[in-house]
């Protein structure tokens, strides 16, 4: 990732600051929680939590049949 392989710490620190300042939401999905960035062996390791609410979806029919009796009035009656 760093272009200067002899002195990568400056670029890694700049990238760390950029991520910490701007990475707070997955676009159109969820907020980022507990963002943690570590530098190890000239690499950035990033971990974070994405809270998700899951809900059971029942796709079974709620009503098997509908009995209808009636019609429309004609001529205003």
Protein backbone atom coordinates (compact mmCIF):
# COMPACT_ATOMS: atom_id res chain seq x y z
CA UNK A 1 0.00 0.00 0.00
CA UNK A 2 2.65 2.63 0.86
CA UNK A 3 4.59 3.94 -2.12
CA UNK A 4 7.70 4.68 -0.05
CA UNK A 5 8.70 1.22 1.15
CA UNK A 6 11.67 2.59 3.11
CA UNK A 7 9.49 4.90 5.24
CA UNK A 8 5.89 3.66 5.13
CA UNK A 9 4.87 4.92 8.57
CA UNK A 10 4.06 8.46 7.36
CA UNK A 11 1.74 7.21 4.63
CA UNK A 12 0.17 4.62 6.93
CA UNK A 13 -0.53 7.27 9.56
CA UNK A 14 -2.10 9.54 6.93
CA UNK A 15 -4.30 6.68 5.69
CA UNK A 16 -5.20 5.78 9.27
CA UNK A 17 -6.35 9.37 9.88
CA UNK A 18 -8.29 9.46 6.60
CA UNK A 19 -10.13 6.24 7.42
CA UNK A 20 -10.88 7.28 11.01
CA UNK A 21 -12.29 10.63 9.82
CA UNK A 22 -14.38 9.35 6.89
CA UNK A 23 -15.30 5.69 7.27
CA UNK A 24 -18.45 5.85 9.36
CA UNK A 25 -21.22 4.40 7.18
CA UNK A 26 -21.65 1.72 4.53
CA UNK A 27 -23.44 3.70 1.85
CA UNK A 28 -27.17 3.16 2.06
CA UNK A 29 -26.82 0.24 4.45
CA UNK A 30 -25.63 0.73 8.00
CA UNK A 31 -23.50 2.74 10.39
CA UNK A 32 -20.03 1.51 11.30
CA UNK A 33 -19.49 0.80 15.00
CA UNK A 34 -16.31 0.10 16.99
CA UNK A 35 -13.86 1.00 14.22
CA UNK A 36 -10.39 -0.27 15.11
CA UNK A 37 -7.27 0.27 13.00
CA UNK A 38 -3.88 -1.25 13.73
CA UNK A 39 -0.58 -0.99 11.89
CA UNK A 40 1.48 -4.15 11.79
CA UNK A 41 4.25 -5.21 9.39
CA UNK A 42 3.67 -2.06 7.30
CA UNK A 43 0.01 -2.96 6.74
CA UNK A 44 -3.21 -1.48 8.09
CA UNK A 45 -5.56 -3.93 9.74
CA UNK A 46 -9.09 -2.62 10.03
CA UNK A 47 -11.96 -4.24 11.88
CA UNK A 48 -15.39 -2.88 12.65
CA UNK A 49 -18.89 -3.92 13.59
CA UNK A 50 -22.01 -3.47 11.48
CA UNK A 51 -25.20 -3.76 13.52
CA UNK A 52 -27.88 -5.57 11.55
CA UNK A 53 -31.49 -6.17 12.46
CA UNK A 54 -32.80 -9.43 11.05
CA UNK A 55 -36.45 -10.35 11.00
CA UNK A 56 -38.21 -13.59 10.13
CA UNK A 57 -40.29 -13.31 6.95
CA UNK A 58 -43.30 -15.64 6.76
CA UNK A 59 -44.06 -16.20 3.09
CA UNK A 60 -47.03 -18.50 3.68
CA UNK A 61 -50.43 -17.33 2.46
CA UNK A 62 -52.43 -15.71 5.23
CA UNK A 63 -55.79 -16.42 3.66
CA UNK A 64 -56.43 -19.45 1.49
CA UNK A 65 -59.65 -18.29 -0.11
CA UNK A 66 -62.02 -15.37 -0.07
CA UNK A 67 -65.75 -15.83 -0.38
CA UNK A 68 -67.40 -12.74 -1.79
CA UNK A 69 -71.05 -12.01 -2.12
CA UNK A 70 -72.29 -8.73 -3.53
CA UNK A 71 -71.94 -6.48 -6.50
CA UNK A 72 -72.11 -2.90 -7.69
CA UNK A 73 -75.20 -0.75 -7.54
CA UNK A 74 -76.57 0.30 -10.88
CA UNK A 75 -78.23 3.65 -11.66
CA UNK A 76 -77.60 5.04 -8.19
CA UNK A 77 -79.75 2.46 -6.39
